[in-house]
Amino acid sequence: MLDAFAPRTVVHDGLALHTRSGGDGPPLLLLHGHPQSMAMWHRVAPRLAEHFHLVMMDLRGYGDSGRPAADAEHQAHSKRVMAQDAVAVMQAHGFDQFAVLAHDRGARVAHRLAVDHPQAVSRLMLLDIAPTLAMYGQTTEAFARAYWHWFFLIQPPPLPEALIASDPVRYLKSVMGSRHAGLSAFDPAALAEYARCITLQGSAESMCEDYRASAGIDLEHDRSDVAAGQKVTQPLRVLWGEHGTVARCFDVLALWRERALYVSGQALPSGHYLAEEVPDALLAQAIPFFKLTPPRSTP
């Protein structure tokens, strides 16, 4: 679905990371969410490429990127390691500083990326998340019912992996179809691409490890940030769907203002999948925000 963008495989620490790039302007990294791939950007990437040089990547464990082996501490799927992947990808594409637009799981990677590599990230826009630590700490019955997969995926192996692997496309459609807009929000070609990727060997294991990391080692890293008073120092804009669970269960702006110095944001008339449900509204926010401070690049 992104054939206009050149494919490239970047190998970082022995793991193959699938990327596509193209467009004119300052560099902008796009990070997708669960249980999707970079294909989620198909409705906004062509317009963004008129203003920015886009680099899209499949997170480790997703899309056509590699599936690392599980480990007891879930470090291989931690957001810290995924952030290191992102830096390596951008350096391979020739950029030492860049902006970031990220959704869902990718937005959690972007949060860690901005904190761990402040010299690399110029500004960032996060879509439909509150900080991970706050979301776990403020879990309510309404949130647990809506985000049931958070608590299913972190159960000890091998049960969640086995259940997903028995019918991965059913799992995908259950997660994505239970949100505000249902499956009708997605282009059939995009759904087919998500289905193709989730059936690849190791996908179920990596998805579970991603969420186990978020409920374990990622929380340790977040608590260390809070204890040290370490915050996101770059301009941060957060957008969320007014019909989504995040909007219903959390004060998004207030929570991000606890974790970042320069925060702005608003709700859009959407559910969780902003880039596919309301692409024009997202573009109206993203293009002017990312044009404010063009990041430096390395030739």
C-alpha atoms as a PDB file:
ATOM      1  CA  MET A   1       0.000   0.000   0.000  1.00  0.00           C
ATOM      2  CA  LEU A   2       3.036   2.250   0.293  1.00  0.00           C
ATOM      3  CA  ASP A   3       4.673   1.306  -3.004  1.00  0.00           C
ATOM      4  CA  ALA A   4       5.581   4.932  -3.742  1.00  0.00           C
ATOM      5  CA  PHE A   5       8.038   4.788  -0.827  1.00  0.00           C
ATOM      6  CA  ALA A   6      11.348   2.999  -1.282  1.00  0.00           C
ATOM      7  CA  PRO A   7      11.783  -0.166   0.806  1.00  0.00           C
ATOM      8  CA  ARG A   8      14.954  -0.773   2.772  1.00  0.00           C
ATOM      9  CA  THR A   9      16.022  -3.245   5.412  1.00  0.00           C
ATOM     10  CA  VAL A  10      18.149  -1.874   8.249  1.00  0.00           C
ATOM     11  CA  VAL A  11      19.916  -4.402  10.464  1.00  0.00           C
ATOM     12  CA  HIS A  12      20.380  -3.331  14.081  1.00  0.00           C
ATOM     13  CA  ASP A  13      21.955  -5.659  16.636  1.00  0.00           C
ATOM     14  CA  GLY A  14      21.358  -8.539  14.267  1.00  0.00           C
ATOM     15  CA  LEU A  15      17.645  -7.836  13.815  1.00  0.00           C
ATOM     16  CA  ALA A  16      16.197  -6.897  10.417  1.00  0.00           C
ATOM     17  CA  LEU A  17      13.991  -3.792  10.527  1.00  0.00           C
ATOM     18  CA  HIS A  18      11.724  -3.144   7.559  1.00  0.00           C
ATOM     19  CA  THR A  19      11.486   0.491   6.454  1.00  0.00           C
ATOM     20  CA  ARG A  20      10.117   2.625   3.640  1.00  0.00           C
ATOM     21  CA  SER A  21      11.076   6.214   2.890  1.00  0.00           C
ATOM     22  CA  GLY A  22      10.441   9.076   0.524  1.00  0.00           C
ATOM     23  CA  GLY A  23       9.294  12.672   0.183  1.00  0.00           C
ATOM     24  CA  ASP A  24      10.839  16.114   0.305  1.00  0.00           C
ATOM     25  CA  GLY A  25      11.697  18.187   3.354  1.00  0.00           C
ATOM     26  CA  PRO A  26      12.968  17.675   6.887  1.00  0.00           C
ATOM     27  CA  PRO A  27      12.936  14.118   8.256  1.00  0.00           C
ATOM     28  CA  LEU A  28       9.848  12.748   9.973  1.00  0.00           C
ATOM     29  CA  LEU A  29       9.766   9.255  11.499  1.00  0.00           C
ATOM     30  CA  LEU A  30       6.397   7.447  11.591  1.00  0.00           C
ATOM     31  CA  LEU A  31       5.797   4.674  14.149  1.00  0.00           C
ATOM     32  CA  HIS A  32       2.707   2.444  14.059  1.00  0.00           C
ATOM     33  CA  GLY A  33       0.653   0.742  16.744  1.00  0.00           C
ATOM     34  CA  HIS A  34      -0.718  -2.684  17.675  1.00  0.00           C
ATOM     35  CA  PRO A  35      -1.670  -4.964  15.990  1.00  0.00           C
ATOM     36  CA  GLN A  36      -0.787  -3.108  12.813  1.00  0.00           C
ATOM     37  CA  SER A  37       2.227  -2.208  10.673  1.00  0.00           C
ATOM     38  CA  MET A  38       3.472   0.854   8.817  1.00  0.00           C
ATOM     39  CA  ALA A  39       0.554   0.324   6.406  1.00  0.00           C
ATOM     40  CA  MET A  40      -1.608   2.255   8.902  1.00  0.00           C
ATOM     41  CA  TRP A  41      -0.127   5.482   7.474  1.00  0.00           C
ATOM     42  CA  HIS A  42      -1.373   4.865   3.928  1.00  0.00           C
ATOM     43  CA  ARG A  43      -4.041   7.604   4.061  1.00  0.00           C
ATOM     44  CA  VAL A  44      -1.704  10.330   5.333  1.00  0.00           C
ATOM     45  CA  ALA A  45       1.760   9.427   4.023  1.00  0.00           C
ATOM     46  CA  PRO A  46       1.321  10.819   0.475  1.00  0.00           C
ATOM     47  CA  ARG A  47       0.316  14.242   1.782  1.00  0.00           C
ATOM     48  CA  LEU A  48       2.977  14.271   4.482  1.00  0.00           C
ATOM     49  CA  ALA A  49       5.584  13.430   1.842  1.00  0.00           C
ATOM     50  CA  GLU A  50       4.821  16.722   0.104  1.00  0.00           C
ATOM     51  CA  HIS A  51       6.291  18.503   3.139  1.00  0.00           C
ATOM     52  CA  PHE A  52       8.662  16.038   4.825  1.00  0.00           C
ATOM     53  CA  HIS A  53      11.062  13.230   4.069  1.00  0.00           C
ATOM     54  CA  LEU A  54       9.209  10.327   5.640  1.00  0.00           C
ATOM     55  CA  VAL A  55      10.818   7.281   7.169  1.00  0.00           C
ATOM     56  CA  MET A  56       8.314   4.602   8.149  1.00  0.00           C
ATOM     57  CA  MET A  57       9.382   1.487  10.008  1.00  0.00           C
ATOM     58  CA  ASP A  58       7.778  -1.684  11.274  1.00  0.00           C
ATOM     59  CA  LEU A  59       8.533  -2.052  14.974  1.00  0.00           C
ATOM     60  CA  ARG A  60      10.404  -5.189  15.994  1.00  0.00           C
ATOM     61  CA  GLY A  61       7.868  -7.971  16.329  1.00  0.00           C
ATOM     62  CA  TYR A  62       5.459  -6.401  13.840  1.00  0.00           C
ATOM     63  CA  GLY A  63       4.997  -6.037  10.095  1.00  0.00           C
ATOM     64  CA  ASP A  64       7.948  -7.332   8.127  1.00  0.00           C
ATOM     65  CA  SER A  65      10.532  -6.597  10.812  1.00  0.00           C
ATOM     66  CA  GLY A  66      12.256  -9.386  12.717  1.00  0.00           C
ATOM     67  CA  ARG A  67      10.788 -11.171  15.720  1.00  0.00           C
ATOM     68  CA  PRO A  68      13.397 -11.327  18.493  1.00  0.00           C
ATOM     69  CA  ALA A  69      13.443 -14.230  20.905  1.00  0.00           C
ATOM     70  CA  ALA A  70      11.727 -13.793  24.253  1.00  0.00           C
ATOM     71  CA  ASP A  71      13.811 -13.267  27.379  1.00  0.00           C
ATOM     72  CA  ALA A  72      12.992 -13.460  31.057  1.00  0.00           C
ATOM     73  CA  GLU A  73      13.113  -9.687  31.610  1.00  0.00           C
ATOM     74  CA  HIS A  74      11.416  -8.887  28.267  1.00  0.00           C
ATOM     75  CA  GLN A  75      14.298  -6.550  27.467  1.00  0.00           C
ATOM     76  CA  ALA A  76      14.323  -7.439  23.766  1.00  0.00           C
ATOM     77  CA  HIS A  77      10.829  -5.942  23.471  1.00  0.00           C
ATOM     78  CA  SER A  78      11.312  -3.020  25.831  1.00  0.00           C
ATOM     79  CA  LYS A  79      10.525   0.449  24.549  1.00  0.00           C
ATOM     80  CA  ARG A  80      14.109   1.424  25.351  1.00  0.00           C
ATOM     81  CA  VAL A  81      15.407  -1.155  22.874  1.00  0.00           C
ATOM     82  CA  MET A  82      12.751  -0.233  20.323  1.00  0.00           C
ATOM     83  CA  ALA A  83      13.827   3.402  20.662  1.00  0.00           C
ATOM     84  CA  GLN A  84      17.395   2.329  19.921  1.00  0.00           C
ATOM     85  CA  ASP A  85      16.047   0.605  16.793  1.00  0.00           C
ATOM     86  CA  ALA A  86      14.490   3.896  15.719  1.00  0.00           C
ATOM     87  CA  VAL A  87      17.734   5.821  16.166  1.00  0.00           C
ATOM     88  CA  ALA A  88      19.618   3.193  14.166  1.00  0.00           C
ATOM     89  CA  VAL A  89      17.035   3.326  11.380  1.00  0.00           C
ATOM     90  CA  MET A  90      17.185   7.098  11.122  1.00  0.00           C
ATOM     91  CA  GLN A  91      20.980   7.114  11.168  1.00  0.00           C
ATOM     92  CA  ALA A  92      20.984   4.515   8.392  1.00  0.00           C
ATOM     93  CA  HIS A  93      18.762   6.854   6.391  1.00  0.00           C
ATOM     94  CA  GLY A  94      21.181   9.707   7.011  1.00  0.00           C
ATOM     95  CA  PHE A  95      19.512  11.664   9.796  1.00  0.00           C
ATOM     96  CA  ASP A  96      20.927  12.501  13.202  1.00  0.00           C
ATOM     97  CA  GLN A  97      17.918  14.570  14.276  1.00  0.00           C
ATOM     98  CA  PHE A  98      14.288  14.169  13.283  1.00  0.00           C
ATOM     99  CA  ALA A  99      10.681  14.662  14.304  1.00  0.00           C
ATOM    100  CA  VAL A 100       8.358  11.797  15.263  1.00  0.00           C
ATOM    101  CA  LEU A 101       4.692  11.074  14.586  1.00  0.00           C
ATOM    102  CA  ALA A 102       3.543   7.956  16.396  1.00  0.00           C
ATOM    103  CA  HIS A 103       0.403   6.032  17.305  1.00  0.00           C
ATOM    104  CA  ASP A 104      -0.448   3.591  20.090  1.00  0.00           C
ATOM    105  CA  ARG A 105       2.520   1.255  20.800  1.00  0.00           C
ATOM    106  CA  GLY A 106       4.677   3.337  18.501  1.00  0.00           C
ATOM    107  CA  ALA A 107       3.808   6.382  20.590  1.00  0.00           C
ATOM    108  CA  ARG A 108       5.125   4.601  23.686  1.00  0.00           C
ATOM    109  CA  VAL A 109       8.346   3.952  21.799  1.00  0.00           C
ATOM    110  CA  ALA A 110       8.415   7.628  20.799  1.00  0.00           C
ATOM    111  CA  HIS A 111       8.023   8.695  24.441  1.00  0.00           C
ATOM    112  CA  ARG A 112      11.042   6.593  25.425  1.00  0.00           C
ATOM    113  CA  LEU A 113      12.922   7.806  22.342  1.00  0.00           C
ATOM    114  CA  ALA A 114      12.416  11.462  23.290  1.00  0.00           C
ATOM    115  CA  VAL A 115      13.597  10.879  26.880  1.00  0.00           C
ATOM    116  CA  ASP A 116      16.537   8.579  26.144  1.00  0.00           C
ATOM    117  CA  HIS A 117      17.758  10.383  22.999  1.00  0.00           C
ATOM    118  CA  PRO A 118      16.825  14.048  23.440  1.00  0.00           C
ATOM    119  CA  GLN A 119      19.500  15.148  20.983  1.00  0.00           C
ATOM    120  CA  ALA A 120      17.904  13.057  18.237  1.00  0.00           C
ATOM    121  CA  VAL A 121      14.266  14.111  18.548  1.00  0.00           C
ATOM    122  CA  SER A 122      13.283  17.674  17.660  1.00  0.00           C
ATOM    123  CA  ARG A 123       9.547  17.418  18.382  1.00  0.00           C
ATOM    124  CA  LEU A 124       6.917  14.734  18.569  1.00  0.00           C
ATOM    125  CA  MET A 125       3.208  14.111  18.126  1.00  0.00           C
ATOM    126  CA  LEU A 126       1.612  11.182  19.961  1.00  0.00           C
ATOM    127  CA  LEU A 127      -1.753   9.727  18.959  1.00  0.00           C
ATOM    128  CA  ASP A 128      -4.342   8.386  21.409  1.00  0.00           C
ATOM    129  CA  ILE A 129      -2.242   7.422  24.393  1.00  0.00           C
ATOM    130  CA  ALA A 130      -1.662   8.628  27.918  1.00  0.00           C
ATOM    131  CA  PRO A 131       1.654   7.769  29.624  1.00  0.00           C
ATOM    132  CA  THR A 132       1.978   4.021  30.207  1.00  0.00           C
ATOM    133  CA  LEU A 133       2.713   4.377  33.917  1.00  0.00           C
ATOM    134  CA  ALA A 134      -0.402   6.496  34.445  1.00  0.00           C
ATOM    135  CA  MET A 135      -2.638   4.165  32.449  1.00  0.00           C
ATOM    136  CA  TYR A 136      -1.632   1.131  34.504  1.00  0.00           C
ATOM    137  CA  GLY A 137      -1.722   3.101  37.750  1.00  0.00           C
ATOM    138  CA  GLN A 138      -5.187   4.523  37.078  1.00  0.00           C
ATOM    139  CA  THR A 139      -6.811   1.425  35.625  1.00  0.00           C
ATOM    140  CA  THR A 140     -10.549   1.308  36.195  1.00  0.00           C
ATOM    141  CA  GLU A 141     -13.142  -1.335  35.391  1.00  0.00           C
ATOM    142  CA  ALA A 142     -14.153   0.625  32.267  1.00  0.00           C
ATOM    143  CA  PHE A 143     -10.569   0.743  31.041  1.00  0.00           C
ATOM    144  CA  ALA A 144      -9.910  -2.920  31.808  1.00  0.00           C
ATOM    145  CA  ARG A 145     -13.026  -3.979  29.902  1.00  0.00           C
ATOM    146  CA  ALA A 146     -12.191  -1.861  26.854  1.00  0.00           C
ATOM    147  CA  TYR A 147      -8.458  -2.620  26.820  1.00  0.00           C
ATOM    148  CA  TRP A 148      -8.823  -6.292  27.763  1.00  0.00           C
ATOM    149  CA  HIS A 149      -5.912  -7.225  25.499  1.00  0.00           C
ATOM    150  CA  TRP A 150      -3.498  -5.305  27.758  1.00  0.00           C
ATOM    151  CA  PHE A 151      -4.182  -7.791  30.537  1.00  0.00           C
ATOM    152  CA  PHE A 152      -4.585 -10.864  28.346  1.00  0.00           C
ATOM    153  CA  LEU A 153      -1.261 -10.436  26.540  1.00  0.00           C
ATOM    154  CA  ILE A 154       0.810 -10.058  29.725  1.00  0.00           C
ATOM    155  CA  GLN A 155      -0.254 -13.443  31.133  1.00  0.00           C
ATOM    156  CA  PRO A 156       2.610 -15.958  31.452  1.00  0.00           C
ATOM    157  CA  PRO A 157       3.526 -17.967  28.371  1.00  0.00           C
ATOM    158  CA  PRO A 158       2.513 -20.031  26.563  1.00  0.00           C
ATOM    159  CA  LEU A 159      -1.266 -19.551  26.937  1.00  0.00           C
ATOM    160  CA  PRO A 160      -1.766 -16.128  25.271  1.00  0.00           C
ATOM    161  CA  GLU A 161       0.600 -17.028  22.440  1.00  0.00           C
ATOM    162  CA  ALA A 162      -1.152 -20.324  21.831  1.00  0.00           C
ATOM    163  CA  LEU A 163      -4.608 -18.775  21.776  1.00  0.00           C
ATOM    164  CA  ILE A 164      -3.566 -16.028  19.339  1.00  0.00           C
ATOM    165  CA  ALA A 165      -1.619 -18.412  17.106  1.00  0.00           C
ATOM    166  CA  SER A 166      -4.648 -20.687  16.821  1.00  0.00           C
ATOM    167  CA  ASP A 167      -6.446 -17.959  14.823  1.00  0.00           C
ATOM    168  CA  PRO A 168      -4.352 -14.761  14.564  1.00  0.00           C
ATOM    169  CA  VAL A 169      -6.670 -13.006  12.119  1.00  0.00           C
ATOM    170  CA  ARG A 170      -9.602 -13.521  14.474  1.00  0.00           C
ATOM    171  CA  TYR A 171      -7.555 -11.934  17.263  1.00  0.00           C
ATOM    172  CA  LEU A 172      -6.657  -8.987  14.999  1.00  0.00           C
ATOM    173  CA  LYS A 173     -10.257  -8.358  14.011  1.00  0.00           C
ATOM    174  CA  SER A 174     -11.434  -8.741  17.606  1.00  0.00           C
ATOM    175  CA  VAL A 175      -9.060  -6.040  18.829  1.00  0.00           C
ATOM    176  CA  MET A 176      -9.507  -3.620  15.940  1.00  0.00           C
ATOM    177  CA  GLY A 177     -13.189  -4.250  15.344  1.00  0.00           C
ATOM    178  CA  SER A 178     -14.207  -3.638  18.959  1.00  0.00           C
ATOM    179  CA  ARG A 179     -13.265   0.056  18.815  1.00  0.00           C
ATOM    180  CA  HIS A 180     -15.538   3.014  18.016  1.00  0.00           C
ATOM    181  CA  ALA A 181     -15.645   2.732  14.218  1.00  0.00           C
ATOM    182  CA  GLY A 182     -15.497  -1.056  13.916  1.00  0.00           C
ATOM    183  CA  LEU A 183     -13.751  -2.691  10.991  1.00  0.00           C
ATOM    184  CA  SER A 184     -15.486  -0.388   8.487  1.00  0.00           C
ATOM    185  CA  ALA A 185     -12.874   2.291   9.214  1.00  0.00           C
ATOM    186  CA  PHE A 186     -10.141   0.287   7.512  1.00  0.00           C
ATOM    187  CA  ASP A 187      -9.358  -0.070   3.846  1.00  0.00           C
ATOM    188  CA  PRO A 188      -9.751  -3.756   2.908  1.00  0.00           C
ATOM    189  CA  ALA A 189      -6.230  -3.748   1.494  1.00  0.00           C
ATOM    190  CA  ALA A 190      -4.894  -2.453   4.808  1.00  0.00           C
ATOM    191  CA  LEU A 191      -6.778  -5.123   6.740  1.00  0.00           C
ATOM    192  CA  ALA A 192      -5.353  -7.750   4.403  1.00  0.00           C
ATOM    193  CA  GLU A 193      -1.853  -6.439   5.059  1.00  0.00           C
ATOM    194  CA  TYR A 194      -2.342  -6.511   8.830  1.00  0.00           C
ATOM    195  CA  ALA A 195      -3.687 -10.047   8.513  1.00  0.00           C
ATOM    196  CA  ARG A 196      -0.705 -11.140   6.416  1.00  0.00           C
ATOM    197  CA  CYS A 197       1.773  -9.814   8.945  1.00  0.00           C
ATOM    198  CA  ILE A 198       0.097 -11.179  12.061  1.00  0.00           C
ATOM    199  CA  THR A 199       0.261 -14.688  10.599  1.00  0.00           C
ATOM    200  CA  LEU A 200       4.054 -14.525  10.188  1.00  0.00           C
ATOM    201  CA  GLN A 201       6.026 -16.889  12.408  1.00  0.00           C
ATOM    202  CA  GLY A 202       6.732 -15.453  15.851  1.00  0.00           C
ATOM    203  CA  SER A 203       4.129 -12.669  15.712  1.00  0.00           C
ATOM    204  CA  ALA A 204       2.059 -13.926  18.641  1.00  0.00           C
ATOM    205  CA  GLU A 205       5.149 -14.334  20.826  1.00  0.00           C
ATOM    206  CA  SER A 206       6.453 -10.858  20.009  1.00  0.00           C
ATOM    207  CA  MET A 207       3.109  -9.172  20.632  1.00  0.00           C
ATOM    208  CA  CYS A 208       2.857 -10.774  24.041  1.00  0.00           C
ATOM    209  CA  GLU A 209       6.447  -9.855  24.858  1.00  0.00           C
ATOM    210  CA  ASP A 210       5.802  -6.249  23.791  1.00  0.00           C
ATOM    211  CA  TYR A 211       2.982  -5.957  26.331  1.00  0.00           C
ATOM    212  CA  ARG A 212       4.820  -7.903  29.027  1.00  0.00           C
ATOM    213  CA  ALA A 213       7.662  -5.418  28.653  1.00  0.00           C
ATOM    214  CA  SER A 214       5.234  -2.519  29.040  1.00  0.00           C
ATOM    215  CA  ALA A 215       3.858  -4.018  32.254  1.00  0.00           C
ATOM    216  CA  GLY A 216       7.345  -4.714  33.610  1.00  0.00           C
ATOM    217  CA  ILE A 217      10.673  -3.308  32.488  1.00  0.00           C
ATOM    218  CA  ASP A 218       9.081  -0.301  30.764  1.00  0.00           C
ATOM    219  CA  LEU A 219       7.364   0.676  34.005  1.00  0.00           C
ATOM    220  CA  GLU A 220      10.711   0.428  35.797  1.00  0.00           C
ATOM    221  CA  HIS A 221      12.209   2.846  33.287  1.00  0.00           C
ATOM    222  CA  ASP A 222       9.235   5.199  33.658  1.00  0.00           C
ATOM    223  CA  ARG A 223       9.445   5.147  37.443  1.00  0.00           C
ATOM    224  CA  SER A 224      13.137   5.967  37.228  1.00  0.00           C
ATOM    225  CA  ASP A 225      12.302   8.974  35.053  1.00  0.00           C
ATOM    226  CA  VAL A 226       9.729  10.201  37.550  1.00  0.00           C
ATOM    227  CA  ALA A 227      12.092   9.724  40.500  1.00  0.00           C
ATOM    228  CA  ALA A 228      14.836  11.639  38.689  1.00  0.00           C
ATOM    229  CA  GLY A 229      12.488  14.392  37.498  1.00  0.00           C
ATOM    230  CA  GLN A 230      13.350  13.512  33.898  1.00  0.00           C
ATOM    231  CA  LYS A 231      10.770  14.756  31.404  1.00  0.00           C
ATOM    232  CA  VAL A 232      10.203  15.128  27.706  1.00  0.00           C
ATOM    233  CA  THR A 233      11.903  18.433  26.876  1.00  0.00           C
ATOM    234  CA  GLN A 234      10.899  18.701  23.207  1.00  0.00           C
ATOM    235  CA  PRO A 235       7.664  20.291  22.017  1.00  0.00           C
ATOM    236  CA  LEU A 236       4.989  17.620  22.404  1.00  0.00           C
ATOM    237  CA  ARG A 237       1.543  17.619  20.854  1.00  0.00           C
ATOM    238  CA  VAL A 238      -0.928  14.923  21.832  1.00  0.00           C
ATOM    239  CA  LEU A 239      -4.093  14.089  19.918  1.00  0.00           C
ATOM    240  CA  TRP A 240      -6.749  11.603  20.917  1.00  0.00           C
ATOM    241  CA  GLY A 241     -10.088  10.349  19.654  1.00  0.00           C
ATOM    242  CA  GLU A 242     -13.013  11.936  21.421  1.00  0.00           C
ATOM    243  CA  HIS A 243     -14.952   8.662  21.058  1.00  0.00           C
ATOM    244  CA  GLY A 244     -12.126   6.467  22.333  1.00  0.00           C
ATOM    245  CA  THR A 245     -11.342   4.744  25.606  1.00  0.00           C
ATOM    246  CA  VAL A 246      -8.365   6.992  26.350  1.00  0.00           C
ATOM    247  CA  ALA A 247     -10.639  10.055  26.252  1.00  0.00           C
ATOM    248  CA  ARG A 248     -13.239   8.398  28.474  1.00  0.00           C
ATOM    249  CA  CYS A 249     -10.847   7.100  31.103  1.00  0.00           C
ATOM    250  CA  PHE A 250      -8.018   9.641  31.366  1.00  0.00           C
ATOM    251  CA  ASP A 251      -7.300  13.372  31.475  1.00  0.00           C
ATOM    252  CA  VAL A 252      -4.833  13.138  28.606  1.00  0.00           C
ATOM    253  CA  LEU A 253      -3.398  16.659  28.691  1.00  0.00           C
ATOM    254  CA  ALA A 254      -3.033  16.725  32.466  1.00  0.00           C
ATOM    255  CA  LEU A 255      -1.185  13.416  32.501  1.00  0.00           C
ATOM    256  CA  TRP A 256       1.212  14.451  29.752  1.00  0.00           C
ATOM    257  CA  ARG A 257       1.893  17.760  31.484  1.00  0.00           C
ATOM    258  CA  GLU A 258       3.222  15.708  34.398  1.00  0.00           C
ATOM    259  CA  ARG A 259       5.723  14.013  32.064  1.00  0.00           C
ATOM    260  CA  ALA A 260       6.676  16.766  29.590  1.00  0.00           C
ATOM    261  CA  LEU A 261       7.599  20.452  29.697  1.00  0.00           C
ATOM    262  CA  TYR A 262       5.901  21.803  26.570  1.00  0.00           C
ATOM    263  CA  VAL A 263       2.587  20.112  25.879  1.00  0.00           C
ATOM    264  CA  SER A 264      -0.378  21.001  23.708  1.00  0.00           C
ATOM    265  CA  GLY A 265      -3.168  18.874  22.335  1.00  0.00           C
ATOM    266  CA  GLN A 266      -6.818  18.227  21.666  1.00  0.00           C
ATOM    267  CA  ALA A 267      -9.369  15.591  20.794  1.00  0.00           C
ATOM    268  CA  LEU A 268     -10.326  14.814  17.194  1.00  0.00           C
ATOM    269  CA  PRO A 269     -13.742  13.472  16.079  1.00  0.00           C
ATOM    270  CA  SER A 270     -12.516   9.907  15.959  1.00  0.00           C
ATOM    271  CA  GLY A 271     -12.017   6.664  17.773  1.00  0.00           C
ATOM    272  CA  HIS A 272      -8.608   5.114  18.395  1.00  0.00           C
ATOM    273  CA  TYR A 273      -7.317   4.900  14.818  1.00  0.00           C
ATOM    274  CA  LEU A 274      -6.952   8.590  13.946  1.00  0.00           C
ATOM    275  CA  ALA A 275      -4.760   8.175  10.859  1.00  0.00           C
ATOM    276  CA  GLU A 276      -7.333   5.900   9.237  1.00  0.00           C
ATOM    277  CA  GLU A 277     -10.572   7.349  10.645  1.00  0.00           C
ATOM    278  CA  VAL A 278      -9.908  11.088  10.266  1.00  0.00           C
ATOM    279  CA  PRO A 279      -6.816  11.492   8.039  1.00  0.00           C
ATOM    280  CA  ASP A 280      -7.653  15.042   6.954  1.00  0.00           C
ATOM    281  CA  ALA A 281      -8.112  16.223  10.535  1.00  0.00           C
ATOM    282  CA  LEU A 282      -4.823  14.606  11.512  1.00  0.00           C
ATOM    283  CA  LEU A 283      -2.986  16.207   8.590  1.00  0.00           C
ATOM    284  CA  ALA A 284      -4.403  19.617   9.535  1.00  0.00           C
ATOM    285  CA  GLN A 285      -2.723  19.187  12.929  1.00  0.00           C
ATOM    286  CA  ALA A 286       0.486  17.454  11.897  1.00  0.00           C
ATOM    287  CA  ILE A 287       1.701  19.504   8.946  1.00  0.00           C
ATOM    288  CA  PRO A 288       1.837  22.905  10.704  1.00  0.00           C
ATOM    289  CA  PHE A 289       3.162  21.388  13.928  1.00  0.00           C
ATOM    290  CA  PHE A 290       6.101  19.669  12.274  1.00  0.00           C
ATOM    291  CA  LYS A 291       6.869  22.646  10.033  1.00  0.00           C
ATOM    292  CA  LEU A 292       7.595  24.895  13.018  1.00  0.00           C
ATOM    293  CA  THR A 293      11.167  23.707  13.637  1.00  0.00           C
ATOM    294  CA  PRO A 294      12.800  21.835  10.760  1.00  0.00           C
ATOM    295  CA  PRO A 295      15.266  19.345  12.289  1.00  0.00           C
ATOM    296  CA  ARG A 296      18.877  19.052  11.174  1.00  0.00           C
ATOM    297  CA  SER A 297      19.987  16.227   8.918  1.00  0.00           C
ATOM    298  CA  THR A 298      23.232  14.485   8.225  1.00  0.00           C
ATOM    299  CA  PRO A 299      23.981  14.212   4.485  1.00  0.00           C
END
